[in-house]
């Protein structure tokens, strides 16, 4: 994902992901569920990995 897509909030990425095979969609969903369940992964770690910053006061 590039920076422009990372900051875009219009919702067009969901239909793009859902257009792939069911097995790929399930892999993406499982990955997000794993990240959400990991208490050590938060906004700071996401910013470090993606260079996409959260607005001040929201992290």
PDB file of N, CA and C in Angstrom:
ATOM      1  N   UNK A   1       0.855  -1.162   0.000  1.00  0.00           N
ATOM      2  CA  UNK A   1       0.000   0.000   0.000  1.00  0.00           C
ATOM      3  C   UNK A   1       0.909   1.234   0.000  1.00  0.00           C
ATOM      4  N   UNK A   2       0.606   2.169  -0.855  1.00  0.00           N
ATOM      5  CA  UNK A   2       1.404   3.396  -0.867  1.00  0.00           C
ATOM      6  C   UNK A   2       0.794   4.413   0.092  1.00  0.00           C
ATOM      7  N   UNK A   3       1.502   5.512   0.324  1.00  0.00           N
ATOM      8  CA  UNK A   3       1.033   6.503   1.294  1.00  0.00           C
ATOM      9  C   UNK A   3      -0.313   7.091   0.934  1.00  0.00           C
ATOM     10  N   UNK A   4      -0.531   7.353  -0.343  1.00  0.00           N
ATOM     11  CA  UNK A   4      -1.817   7.929  -0.759  1.00  0.00           C
ATOM     12  C   UNK A   4      -2.962   6.995  -0.388  1.00  0.00           C
ATOM     13  N   UNK A   5      -2.801   5.698  -0.627  1.00  0.00           N
ATOM     14  CA  UNK A   5      -3.838   4.733  -0.274  1.00  0.00           C
ATOM     15  C   UNK A   5      -3.979   4.606   1.237  1.00  0.00           C
ATOM     16  N   UNK A   6      -2.854   4.711   1.957  1.00  0.00           N
ATOM     17  CA  UNK A   6      -2.892   4.581   3.401  1.00  0.00           C
ATOM     18  C   UNK A   6      -3.683   5.682   4.068  1.00  0.00           C
ATOM     19  N   UNK A   7      -3.643   6.869   3.511  1.00  0.00           N
ATOM     20  CA  UNK A   7      -4.364   8.003   4.087  1.00  0.00           C
ATOM     21  C   UNK A   7      -5.780   8.141   3.521  1.00  0.00           C
ATOM     22  N   UNK A   8      -6.092   7.435   2.455  1.00  0.00           N
ATOM     23  CA  UNK A   8      -7.405   7.557   1.824  1.00  0.00           C
ATOM     24  C   UNK A   8      -8.468   6.901   2.686  1.00  0.00           C
ATOM     25  N   UNK A   9      -9.536   7.601   2.957  1.00  0.00           N
ATOM     26  CA  UNK A   9     -10.602   7.073   3.801  1.00  0.00           C
ATOM     27  C   UNK A   9     -11.913   6.907   3.084  1.00  0.00           C
ATOM     28  N   UNK A  10     -11.903   6.829   1.755  1.00  0.00           N
ATOM     29  CA  UNK A  10     -13.138   6.770   0.995  1.00  0.00           C
ATOM     30  C   UNK A  10     -13.782   5.399   0.906  1.00  0.00           C
ATOM     31  N   UNK A  11     -13.097   4.364   1.346  1.00  0.00           N
ATOM     32  CA  UNK A  11     -13.697   3.042   1.383  1.00  0.00           C
ATOM     33  C   UNK A  11     -13.587   2.219   0.112  1.00  0.00           C
ATOM     34  N   UNK A  12     -12.829   2.677  -0.886  1.00  0.00           N
ATOM     35  CA  UNK A  12     -12.775   1.916  -2.141  1.00  0.00           C
ATOM     36  C   UNK A  12     -11.848   0.703  -2.063  1.00  0.00           C
ATOM     37  N   UNK A  13     -11.018   0.592  -1.027  1.00  0.00           N
ATOM     38  CA  UNK A  13     -10.109  -0.553  -0.944  1.00  0.00           C
ATOM     39  C   UNK A  13     -10.842  -1.847  -0.601  1.00  0.00           C
ATOM     40  N   UNK A  14     -11.922  -1.762   0.142  1.00  0.00           N
ATOM     41  CA  UNK A  14     -12.663  -2.972   0.518  1.00  0.00           C
ATOM     42  C   UNK A  14     -13.175  -3.727  -0.709  1.00  0.00           C
ATOM     43  N   UNK A  15     -13.854  -3.062  -1.659  1.00  0.00           N
ATOM     44  CA  UNK A  15     -14.296  -3.796  -2.852  1.00  0.00           C
ATOM     45  C   UNK A  15     -13.119  -4.373  -3.647  1.00  0.00           C
ATOM     46  N   UNK A  16     -11.983  -3.677  -3.624  1.00  0.00           N
ATOM     47  CA  UNK A  16     -10.805  -4.186  -4.330  1.00  0.00           C
ATOM     48  C   UNK A  16     -10.341  -5.488  -3.704  1.00  0.00           C
ATOM     49  N   UNK A  17     -10.209  -5.515  -2.378  1.00  0.00           N
ATOM     50  CA  UNK A  17      -9.779  -6.740  -1.703  1.00  0.00           C
ATOM     51  C   UNK A  17     -10.802  -7.850  -1.934  1.00  0.00           C
ATOM     52  N   UNK A  18     -12.075  -7.513  -1.844  1.00  0.00           N
ATOM     53  CA  UNK A  18     -13.122  -8.527  -2.003  1.00  0.00           C
ATOM     54  C   UNK A  18     -13.216  -9.062  -3.423  1.00  0.00           C
ATOM     55  N   UNK A  19     -12.578  -8.403  -4.383  1.00  0.00           N
ATOM     56  CA  UNK A  19     -12.603  -8.889  -5.761  1.00  0.00           C
ATOM     57  C   UNK A  19     -11.613 -10.027  -5.988  1.00  0.00           C
ATOM     58  N   UNK A  20     -10.730 -10.271  -5.025  1.00  0.00           N
ATOM     59  CA  UNK A  20      -9.773 -11.368  -5.134  1.00  0.00           C
ATOM     60  C   UNK A  20     -10.442 -12.674  -4.719  1.00  0.00           C
ATOM     61  N   UNK A  21      -9.689 -13.753  -4.786  1.00  0.00           N
ATOM     62  CA  UNK A  21     -10.239 -15.064  -4.442  1.00  0.00           C
ATOM     63  C   UNK A  21     -10.636 -15.113  -2.973  1.00  0.00           C
ATOM     64  N   UNK A  22     -11.579 -15.977  -2.665  1.00  0.00           N
ATOM     65  CA  UNK A  22     -12.047 -16.128  -1.289  1.00  0.00           C
ATOM     66  C   UNK A  22     -10.905 -16.496  -0.351  1.00  0.00           C
ATOM     67  N   UNK A  23      -9.974 -17.334  -0.815  1.00  0.00           N
ATOM     68  CA  UNK A  23      -8.868 -17.745   0.053  1.00  0.00           C
ATOM     69  C   UNK A  23      -7.971 -16.555   0.381  1.00  0.00           C
ATOM     70  N   UNK A  24      -7.755 -15.653  -0.571  1.00  0.00           N
ATOM     71  CA  UNK A  24      -6.944 -14.462  -0.312  1.00  0.00           C
ATOM     72  C   UNK A  24      -7.659 -13.528   0.666  1.00  0.00           C
ATOM     73  N   UNK A  25      -8.946 -13.335   0.464  1.00  0.00           N
ATOM     74  CA  UNK A  25      -9.731 -12.480   1.361  1.00  0.00           C
ATOM     75  C   UNK A  25      -9.666 -13.035   2.782  1.00  0.00           C
ATOM     76  N   UNK A  26      -9.763 -14.337   2.923  1.00  0.00           N
ATOM     77  CA  UNK A  26      -9.689 -14.949   4.254  1.00  0.00           C
ATOM     78  C   UNK A  26      -8.309 -14.746   4.880  1.00  0.00           C
ATOM     79  N   UNK A  27      -7.246 -14.816   4.070  1.00  0.00           N
ATOM     80  CA  UNK A  27      -5.895 -14.563   4.592  1.00  0.00           C
ATOM     81  C   UNK A  27      -5.763 -13.126   5.097  1.00  0.00           C
ATOM     82  N   UNK A  28      -6.295 -12.175   4.348  1.00  0.00           N
ATOM     83  CA  UNK A  28      -6.255 -10.772   4.770  1.00  0.00           C
ATOM     84  C   UNK A  28      -7.057 -10.602   6.054  1.00  0.00           C
ATOM     85  N   UNK A  29      -8.240 -11.173   6.100  1.00  0.00           N
ATOM     86  CA  UNK A  29      -9.092 -11.062   7.293  1.00  0.00           C
ATOM     87  C   UNK A  29      -8.404 -11.690   8.506  1.00  0.00           C
ATOM     88  N   UNK A  30      -7.815 -12.861   8.332  1.00  0.00           N
ATOM     89  CA  UNK A  30      -7.132 -13.537   9.438  1.00  0.00           C
ATOM     90  C   UNK A  30      -5.938 -12.716   9.919  1.00  0.00           C
ATOM     91  N   UNK A  31      -5.230 -12.089   8.989  1.00  0.00           N
ATOM     92  CA  UNK A  31      -4.103 -11.241   9.369  1.00  0.00           C
ATOM     93  C   UNK A  31      -4.542 -10.060  10.209  1.00  0.00           C
ATOM     94  N   UNK A  32      -5.622  -9.406   9.801  1.00  0.00           N
ATOM     95  CA  UNK A  32      -6.136  -8.282  10.592  1.00  0.00           C
ATOM     96  C   UNK A  32      -6.624  -8.744  11.963  1.00  0.00           C
ATOM     97  N   UNK A  33      -7.277  -9.887  12.018  1.00  0.00           N
ATOM     98  CA  UNK A  33      -7.735 -10.403  13.309  1.00  0.00           C
ATOM     99  C   UNK A  33      -6.553 -10.706  14.226  1.00  0.00           C
ATOM    100  N   UNK A  34      -5.474 -11.226  13.661  1.00  0.00           N
ATOM    101  CA  UNK A  34      -4.283 -11.521  14.446  1.00  0.00           C
ATOM    102  C   UNK A  34      -3.659 -10.235  14.984  1.00  0.00           C
ATOM    103  N   UNK A  35      -3.591  -9.203  14.150  1.00  0.00           N
ATOM    104  CA  UNK A  35      -3.030  -7.925  14.588  1.00  0.00           C
ATOM    105  C   UNK A  35      -3.885  -7.318  15.698  1.00  0.00           C
ATOM    106  N   UNK A  36      -5.206  -7.357  15.530  1.00  0.00           N
ATOM    107  CA  UNK A  36      -6.104  -6.783  16.535  1.00  0.00           C
ATOM    108  C   UNK A  36      -5.969  -7.519  17.866  1.00  0.00           C
ATOM    109  N   UNK A  37      -5.764  -8.828  17.824  1.00  0.00           N
ATOM    110  CA  UNK A  37      -5.656  -9.626  19.049  1.00  0.00           C
ATOM    111  C   UNK A  37      -4.312  -9.457  19.746  1.00  0.00           C
ATOM    112  N   UNK A  38      -3.307  -8.949  19.061  1.00  0.00           N
ATOM    113  CA  UNK A  38      -1.961  -8.801  19.613  1.00  0.00           C
ATOM    114  C   UNK A  38      -1.860  -7.499  20.406  1.00  0.00           C
ATOM    115  N   UNK A  39      -1.834  -7.613  21.723  1.00  0.00           N
ATOM    116  CA  UNK A  39      -1.779  -6.426  22.582  1.00  0.00           C
ATOM    117  C   UNK A  39      -0.494  -5.624  22.414  1.00  0.00           C
ATOM    118  N   UNK A  40       0.568  -6.238  21.900  1.00  0.00           N
ATOM    119  CA  UNK A  40       1.826  -5.515  21.740  1.00  0.00           C
ATOM    120  C   UNK A  40       1.857  -4.697  20.454  1.00  0.00           C
ATOM    121  N   UNK A  41       0.874  -4.881  19.592  1.00  0.00           N
ATOM    122  CA  UNK A  41       0.831  -4.146  18.329  1.00  0.00           C
ATOM    123  C   UNK A  41      -0.179  -3.014  18.454  1.00  0.00           C
ATOM    124  N   UNK A  42       0.302  -1.790  18.332  1.00  0.00           N
ATOM    125  CA  UNK A  42      -0.573  -0.632  18.450  1.00  0.00           C
ATOM    126  C   UNK A  42      -0.221   0.415  17.420  1.00  0.00           C
ATOM    127  N   UNK A  43      -0.754   1.612  17.584  1.00  0.00           N
ATOM    128  CA  UNK A  43      -0.521   2.678  16.616  1.00  0.00           C
ATOM    129  C   UNK A  43       0.959   2.967  16.352  1.00  0.00           C
ATOM    130  N   UNK A  44       1.776   2.970  17.401  1.00  0.00           N
ATOM    131  CA  UNK A  44       3.201   3.272  17.208  1.00  0.00           C
ATOM    132  C   UNK A  44       3.875   2.222  16.329  1.00  0.00           C
ATOM    133  N   UNK A  45       3.551   0.959  16.549  1.00  0.00           N
ATOM    134  CA  UNK A  45       4.136  -0.117  15.737  1.00  0.00           C
ATOM    135  C   UNK A  45       3.649  -0.015  14.287  1.00  0.00           C
ATOM    136  N   UNK A  46       2.370   0.284  14.105  1.00  0.00           N
ATOM    137  CA  UNK A  46       1.821   0.450  12.755  1.00  0.00           C
ATOM    138  C   UNK A  46       2.529   1.592  12.028  1.00  0.00           C
ATOM    139  N   UNK A  47       2.697   2.712  12.708  1.00  0.00           N
ATOM    140  CA  UNK A  47       3.387   3.859  12.106  1.00  0.00           C
ATOM    141  C   UNK A  47       4.816   3.493  11.727  1.00  0.00           C
ATOM    142  N   UNK A  48       5.492   2.739  12.599  1.00  0.00           N
ATOM    143  CA  UNK A  48       6.877   2.348  12.318  1.00  0.00           C
ATOM    144  C   UNK A  48       6.968   1.468  11.075  1.00  0.00           C
ATOM    145  N   UNK A  49       6.029   0.568  10.922  1.00  0.00           N
ATOM    146  CA  UNK A  49       6.066  -0.367   9.794  1.00  0.00           C
ATOM    147  C   UNK A  49       5.618   0.256   8.471  1.00  0.00           C
ATOM    148  N   UNK A  50       4.722   1.244   8.537  1.00  0.00           N
ATOM    149  CA  UNK A  50       4.117   1.764   7.310  1.00  0.00           C
ATOM    150  C   UNK A  50       4.501   3.181   6.963  1.00  0.00           C
ATOM    151  N   UNK A  51       5.085   3.920   7.897  1.00  0.00           N
ATOM    152  CA  UNK A  51       5.353   5.353   7.725  1.00  0.00           C
ATOM    153  C   UNK A  51       4.071   6.158   7.531  1.00  0.00           C
ATOM    154  N   UNK A  52       2.951   5.618   7.973  1.00  0.00           N
ATOM    155  CA  UNK A  52       1.672   6.319   7.936  1.00  0.00           C
ATOM    156  C   UNK A  52       1.358   6.719   9.367  1.00  0.00           C
ATOM    157  N   UNK A  53       1.311   8.019   9.614  1.00  0.00           N
ATOM    158  CA  UNK A  53       1.132   8.515  10.973  1.00  0.00           C
ATOM    159  C   UNK A  53      -0.339   8.759  11.283  1.00  0.00           C
ATOM    160  N   UNK A  54      -0.709   8.480  12.527  1.00  0.00           N
ATOM    161  CA  UNK A  54      -2.025   8.831  13.018  1.00  0.00           C
ATOM    162  C   UNK A  54      -2.005  10.301  13.410  1.00  0.00           C
ATOM    163  N   UNK A  55      -3.144  10.988  13.292  1.00  0.00           N
ATOM    164  CA  UNK A  55      -3.199  12.393  13.729  1.00  0.00           C
ATOM    165  C   UNK A  55      -2.832  12.497  15.210  1.00  0.00           C
ATOM    166  N   UNK A  56      -2.215  13.595  15.599  1.00  0.00           N
ATOM    167  CA  UNK A  56      -1.836  13.819  17.000  1.00  0.00           C
ATOM    168  C   UNK A  56      -3.075  13.707  17.885  1.00  0.00           C
ATOM    169  N   UNK A  57      -2.908  13.041  19.018  1.00  0.00           N
ATOM    170  CA  UNK A  57      -4.010  12.891  19.964  1.00  0.00           C
ATOM    171  C   UNK A  57      -4.908  11.703  19.690  1.00  0.00           C
ATOM    172  N   UNK A  58      -4.708  11.005  18.569  1.00  0.00           N
ATOM    173  CA  UNK A  58      -5.558   9.856  18.233  1.00  0.00           C
ATOM    174  C   UNK A  58      -4.836   8.540  18.452  1.00  0.00           C
ATOM    175  N   UNK A  59      -3.541   8.562  18.675  1.00  0.00           N
ATOM    176  CA  UNK A  59      -2.769   7.330  18.835  1.00  0.00           C
ATOM    177  C   UNK A  59      -2.925   6.757  20.224  1.00  0.00           C
TER     178      UNK A  59
END
